[in-house]
Amino acid sequence: WTSAGLEDVLVSSFNSVAKRTAPVSPVHLEEVYRILGPALLAVLHEDISGPAAIDGLCEQEPLMKAFVACRSSSVLRQTDVKRSWEPLKQARALCEEASRNGLGERNEFLSLCSYVDRTWASTVAVEGDWIRAATLWSESLT
């Protein structure tokens, strides 16, 4: 894929027309907001500061749990890079588990794994290994 090709099929942001990477109908956006809004509010207001807290969330939804772990890692990385690795490793392990359980071809799984891989690359970059980070970012698009 080229980045231009990705822009035709992925929606990376819903909060403004200028940031969207693909056209989205208002009806579809409303459906997404209606379905995900309450769940995301609940997740964002939870204390997700450690693996035990993450394990207690979304027990029946491993992909959502992996997303929360990865997001938690991104937040932690801003103040404590070393601590951010634990939830990121948890997110990667959840992705691997989901793959073993047959979710590997679902679009949401592929998008989540790319998000985890990009977050992993960003964390490597914050630690100063820009060459490895560039390789990881590139691999996250395949």
C-alpha atoms as a PDB file:
ATOM      1  CA  TRP A   1       0.000   0.000   0.000  1.00  0.00           C
ATOM      2  CA  THR A   2       1.022   3.559  -0.541  1.00  0.00           C
ATOM      3  CA  SER A   3      -0.146   6.264   1.809  1.00  0.00           C
ATOM      4  CA  ALA A   4      -2.356   7.565  -1.015  1.00  0.00           C
ATOM      5  CA  GLY A   5      -3.952   4.122  -1.282  1.00  0.00           C
ATOM      6  CA  LEU A   6      -4.578   4.016   2.461  1.00  0.00           C
ATOM      7  CA  GLU A   7      -6.240   7.419   2.369  1.00  0.00           C
ATOM      8  CA  ASP A   8      -8.868   6.006   0.041  1.00  0.00           C
ATOM      9  CA  VAL A   9      -9.969   3.262   2.426  1.00  0.00           C
ATOM     10  CA  LEU A  10      -9.215   4.249   6.041  1.00  0.00           C
ATOM     11  CA  VAL A  11     -10.938   6.811   8.179  1.00  0.00           C
ATOM     12  CA  SER A  12      -8.428   7.875  10.788  1.00  0.00           C
ATOM     13  CA  SER A  13     -10.351  10.672  12.461  1.00  0.00           C
ATOM     14  CA  PHE A  14     -14.023  11.505  12.853  1.00  0.00           C
ATOM     15  CA  ASN A  15     -13.712  14.838  14.645  1.00  0.00           C
ATOM     16  CA  SER A  16     -13.333  17.088  11.611  1.00  0.00           C
ATOM     17  CA  VAL A  17     -13.763  16.925   7.859  1.00  0.00           C
ATOM     18  CA  ALA A  18     -10.238  18.301   7.382  1.00  0.00           C
ATOM     19  CA  LYS A  19      -8.674  15.380   9.275  1.00  0.00           C
ATOM     20  CA  ARG A  20     -10.634  12.554   7.673  1.00  0.00           C
ATOM     21  CA  THR A  21      -8.708  10.437   5.231  1.00  0.00           C
ATOM     22  CA  ALA A  22     -11.724   9.011   3.407  1.00  0.00           C
ATOM     23  CA  PRO A  23     -15.219  10.313   2.743  1.00  0.00           C
ATOM     24  CA  VAL A  24     -17.763   9.263   5.368  1.00  0.00           C
ATOM     25  CA  SER A  25     -21.480   9.773   5.105  1.00  0.00           C
ATOM     26  CA  PRO A  26     -23.145  11.669   7.980  1.00  0.00           C
ATOM     27  CA  VAL A  27     -25.503   8.706   8.482  1.00  0.00           C
ATOM     28  CA  HIS A  28     -22.553   6.358   9.001  1.00  0.00           C
ATOM     29  CA  LEU A  29     -20.880   8.789  11.420  1.00  0.00           C
ATOM     30  CA  GLU A  30     -24.054   9.018  13.479  1.00  0.00           C
ATOM     31  CA  GLU A  31     -24.206   5.215  13.640  1.00  0.00           C
ATOM     32  CA  VAL A  32     -20.584   5.039  14.815  1.00  0.00           C
ATOM     33  CA  TYR A  33     -21.156   7.748  17.443  1.00  0.00           C
ATOM     34  CA  ARG A  34     -24.350   6.051  18.662  1.00  0.00           C
ATOM     35  CA  ILE A  35     -22.710   2.630  19.011  1.00  0.00           C
ATOM     36  CA  LEU A  36     -19.251   3.563  20.268  1.00  0.00           C
ATOM     37  CA  GLY A  37     -19.949   6.760  22.187  1.00  0.00           C
ATOM     38  CA  PRO A  38     -21.159   5.257  25.481  1.00  0.00           C
ATOM     39  CA  ALA A  39     -18.489   2.534  25.469  1.00  0.00           C
ATOM     40  CA  LEU A  40     -15.660   4.958  24.781  1.00  0.00           C
ATOM     41  CA  LEU A  41     -16.840   7.339  27.491  1.00  0.00           C
ATOM     42  CA  ALA A  42     -16.831   4.476  29.982  1.00  0.00           C
ATOM     43  CA  VAL A  43     -13.323   3.408  28.937  1.00  0.00           C
ATOM     44  CA  LEU A  44     -11.920   6.921  29.017  1.00  0.00           C
ATOM     45  CA  HIS A  45     -13.205   7.476  32.546  1.00  0.00           C
ATOM     46  CA  GLU A  46     -11.751   4.232  33.918  1.00  0.00           C
ATOM     47  CA  ASP A  47      -8.423   4.063  35.711  1.00  0.00           C
ATOM     48  CA  ILE A  48      -6.424   2.094  33.165  1.00  0.00           C
ATOM     49  CA  SER A  49      -3.048   2.607  34.763  1.00  0.00           C
ATOM     50  CA  GLY A  50      -1.996  -1.029  34.915  1.00  0.00           C
ATOM     51  CA  PRO A  51      -2.448  -4.506  33.451  1.00  0.00           C
ATOM     52  CA  ALA A  52      -4.910  -5.596  36.143  1.00  0.00           C
ATOM     53  CA  ALA A  53      -7.172  -2.642  35.375  1.00  0.00           C
ATOM     54  CA  ILE A  54      -6.979  -3.376  31.649  1.00  0.00           C
ATOM     55  CA  ASP A  55      -7.704  -7.073  32.206  1.00  0.00           C
ATOM     56  CA  GLY A  56     -10.928  -6.116  33.980  1.00  0.00           C
ATOM     57  CA  LEU A  57     -12.194  -4.151  30.983  1.00  0.00           C
ATOM     58  CA  CYS A  58     -13.955  -5.588  27.983  1.00  0.00           C
ATOM     59  CA  GLU A  59     -13.416  -9.186  29.049  1.00  0.00           C
ATOM     60  CA  GLN A  60     -15.418 -10.528  26.104  1.00  0.00           C
ATOM     61  CA  GLU A  61     -13.818  -8.168  23.589  1.00  0.00           C
ATOM     62  CA  PRO A  62     -10.090  -8.885  23.222  1.00  0.00           C
ATOM     63  CA  LEU A  63      -9.682  -6.336  20.440  1.00  0.00           C
ATOM     64  CA  MET A  64     -11.161  -3.558  22.562  1.00  0.00           C
ATOM     65  CA  LYS A  65      -8.985  -4.633  25.488  1.00  0.00           C
ATOM     66  CA  ALA A  66      -5.902  -4.478  23.233  1.00  0.00           C
ATOM     67  CA  PHE A  67      -6.925  -1.006  22.055  1.00  0.00           C
ATOM     68  CA  VAL A  68      -7.308   0.195  25.655  1.00  0.00           C
ATOM     69  CA  ALA A  69      -3.908  -1.283  26.592  1.00  0.00           C
ATOM     70  CA  CYS A  70      -2.257   0.406  23.619  1.00  0.00           C
ATOM     71  CA  ARG A  71      -3.947   3.727  24.365  1.00  0.00           C
ATOM     72  CA  SER A  72      -2.874   3.437  28.002  1.00  0.00           C
ATOM     73  CA  SER A  73       0.696   2.910  26.804  1.00  0.00           C
ATOM     74  CA  SER A  74       0.514   6.056  24.675  1.00  0.00           C
ATOM     75  CA  VAL A  75      -0.629   8.098  27.665  1.00  0.00           C
ATOM     76  CA  LEU A  76       2.033   6.632  29.971  1.00  0.00           C
ATOM     77  CA  ARG A  77       4.754   7.222  27.372  1.00  0.00           C
ATOM     78  CA  GLN A  78       4.319  10.974  27.813  1.00  0.00           C
ATOM     79  CA  THR A  79       5.589  10.826  31.399  1.00  0.00           C
ATOM     80  CA  ASP A  80       7.286   7.439  31.852  1.00  0.00           C
ATOM     81  CA  VAL A  81       8.566   5.608  28.779  1.00  0.00           C
ATOM     82  CA  LYS A  82       9.749   2.590  30.762  1.00  0.00           C
ATOM     83  CA  ARG A  83       6.305   2.032  32.331  1.00  0.00           C
ATOM     84  CA  SER A  84       4.625   2.449  28.936  1.00  0.00           C
ATOM     85  CA  TRP A  85       6.125  -0.806  27.654  1.00  0.00           C
ATOM     86  CA  GLU A  86       4.061  -3.041  29.962  1.00  0.00           C
ATOM     87  CA  PRO A  87       0.605  -2.180  28.563  1.00  0.00           C
ATOM     88  CA  LEU A  88       2.053  -2.061  25.048  1.00  0.00           C
ATOM     89  CA  LYS A  89       3.398  -5.598  25.424  1.00  0.00           C
ATOM     90  CA  GLN A  90      -0.010  -6.573  26.785  1.00  0.00           C
ATOM     91  CA  ALA A  91      -1.675  -5.092  23.676  1.00  0.00           C
ATOM     92  CA  ARG A  92       0.665  -7.003  21.373  1.00  0.00           C
ATOM     93  CA  ALA A  93       0.017 -10.257  23.262  1.00  0.00           C
ATOM     94  CA  LEU A  94      -3.745  -9.691  22.957  1.00  0.00           C
ATOM     95  CA  CYS A  95      -3.361  -9.171  19.198  1.00  0.00           C
ATOM     96  CA  GLU A  96      -1.383 -12.406  18.921  1.00  0.00           C
ATOM     97  CA  GLU A  97      -4.036 -14.231  20.943  1.00  0.00           C
ATOM     98  CA  ALA A  98      -6.809 -12.821  18.744  1.00  0.00           C
ATOM     99  CA  SER A  99      -4.917 -14.010  15.675  1.00  0.00           C
ATOM    100  CA  ARG A 100      -4.636 -17.534  17.096  1.00  0.00           C
ATOM    101  CA  ASN A 101      -8.386 -17.440  17.787  1.00  0.00           C
ATOM    102  CA  GLY A 102      -9.245 -16.761  14.150  1.00  0.00           C
ATOM    103  CA  LEU A 103      -9.766 -12.987  14.153  1.00  0.00           C
ATOM    104  CA  GLY A 104      -6.753 -12.331  11.924  1.00  0.00           C
ATOM    105  CA  GLU A 105      -8.613 -11.424   8.749  1.00  0.00           C
ATOM    106  CA  ARG A 106     -11.149  -9.013  10.215  1.00  0.00           C
ATOM    107  CA  ASN A 107     -10.601  -5.368   9.275  1.00  0.00           C
ATOM    108  CA  GLU A 108     -10.842  -4.201  12.874  1.00  0.00           C
ATOM    109  CA  PHE A 109      -8.136  -6.701  13.839  1.00  0.00           C
ATOM    110  CA  LEU A 110      -5.825  -5.535  11.051  1.00  0.00           C
ATOM    111  CA  SER A 111      -6.385  -1.871  11.970  1.00  0.00           C
ATOM    112  CA  LEU A 112      -5.740  -2.587  15.645  1.00  0.00           C
ATOM    113  CA  CYS A 113      -2.520  -4.480  14.932  1.00  0.00           C
ATOM    114  CA  SER A 114      -1.318  -1.587  12.794  1.00  0.00           C
ATOM    115  CA  TYR A 115      -2.142   0.818  15.658  1.00  0.00           C
ATOM    116  CA  VAL A 116      -0.211  -1.347  18.141  1.00  0.00           C
ATOM    117  CA  ASP A 117       2.737  -1.617  15.753  1.00  0.00           C
ATOM    118  CA  ARG A 118       2.782   2.155  15.133  1.00  0.00           C
ATOM    119  CA  THR A 119       2.632   2.802  18.874  1.00  0.00           C
ATOM    120  CA  TRP A 120       5.498   0.349  19.372  1.00  0.00           C
ATOM    121  CA  ALA A 121       7.527   2.235  16.729  1.00  0.00           C
ATOM    122  CA  SER A 122       6.726   5.582  18.361  1.00  0.00           C
ATOM    123  CA  THR A 123       7.920   4.298  21.718  1.00  0.00           C
ATOM    124  CA  VAL A 124      11.150   3.054  20.156  1.00  0.00           C
ATOM    125  CA  ALA A 125      11.585   6.523  18.620  1.00  0.00           C
ATOM    126  CA  VAL A 126      11.030   8.237  21.977  1.00  0.00           C
ATOM    127  CA  GLU A 127      13.823   6.055  23.343  1.00  0.00           C
ATOM    128  CA  GLY A 128      16.050   7.441  20.581  1.00  0.00           C
ATOM    129  CA  ASP A 129      16.354   4.548  18.109  1.00  0.00           C
ATOM    130  CA  TRP A 130      15.066   6.378  15.046  1.00  0.00           C
ATOM    131  CA  ILE A 131      16.431   3.890  12.499  1.00  0.00           C
ATOM    132  CA  ARG A 132      14.615   0.958  14.114  1.00  0.00           C
ATOM    133  CA  ALA A 133      11.498   3.116  14.556  1.00  0.00           C
ATOM    134  CA  ALA A 134      11.466   3.963  10.836  1.00  0.00           C
ATOM    135  CA  THR A 135      11.642   0.269   9.966  1.00  0.00           C
ATOM    136  CA  LEU A 136       8.843  -0.554  12.408  1.00  0.00           C
ATOM    137  CA  TRP A 137       6.620   2.249  11.078  1.00  0.00           C
ATOM    138  CA  SER A 138       7.133   0.978   7.548  1.00  0.00           C
ATOM    139  CA  GLU A 139       6.328  -2.611   8.595  1.00  0.00           C
ATOM    140  CA  SER A 140       3.159  -1.425  10.364  1.00  0.00           C
ATOM    141  CA  LEU A 141       1.663  -0.521   6.981  1.00  0.00           C
ATOM    142  CA  THR A 142       1.965  -4.025   5.557  1.00  0.00           C
END
